[in-house]
Amino acid sequence: MKFALFALAAITLAGCGGAGYSDDYIDDYIEVDEPIYDRPQIEFFELIDTFGFSSFDPGTPVLNPYEDDGWFQVNWEADTRDDYVVEYRVNDLPSITGSVLIDSETCGPGFSCGREGLQFCQYNADISMTCDADFRVDRSFDHKVFVLPQSLFFIIQLCTPDFVFCEYTFEEFTAE
């Protein structure tokens, strides 16, 4: 009985190619899914308010629709070699969840914003904002404002073009 079990195991191994070497072995290459894009990471983010003060200055930046016609500036630097999408958002909480998308654009090699970006945005008296002076699409976020002045959060989010990976950060500001 032991001999029959041993013989059966030897025949099985021989049938699987385990008993010898074969020159016609085909190496099946299994491709591991690698990210298509380099993950963009936020290295630097600055909001310069309507009065010209930086978010790095003491105090909270202030956006006033009557000061400099509500224009303010957003600066950032991304750590990436590839294209990425930058989104500008506003929320009443320091979170991307429930935020209002103001605008977005593609950045990277060959675009007006590469690793370093600069965007001018305008805060309007009707509690709306635009970050694209060419198309002037104002996005309202009045449902996030209960009384003026109010603290809000300007959020910048960087994503791979396929939105598989995103990273965001925020700056608190006072809306007047």
Foldseek 3Di string as FASTA:
>chain_A
DVVVVVVVVVVVCVVVVNVHDDPPDDDDDDDDDDDPFDWKDWPDKWKQELVRRILPDPDAHEFECVRVNRKIKIKTFIPGQAKKKKWKWKAQDFDPPPIHTQDMDIEDPPDPHHRIDMWMKGQHPQQWIHGDPVVPDTGHPVVRDDDPFGKMKIKMKIAHPVRPDIDMGIGIHTYD
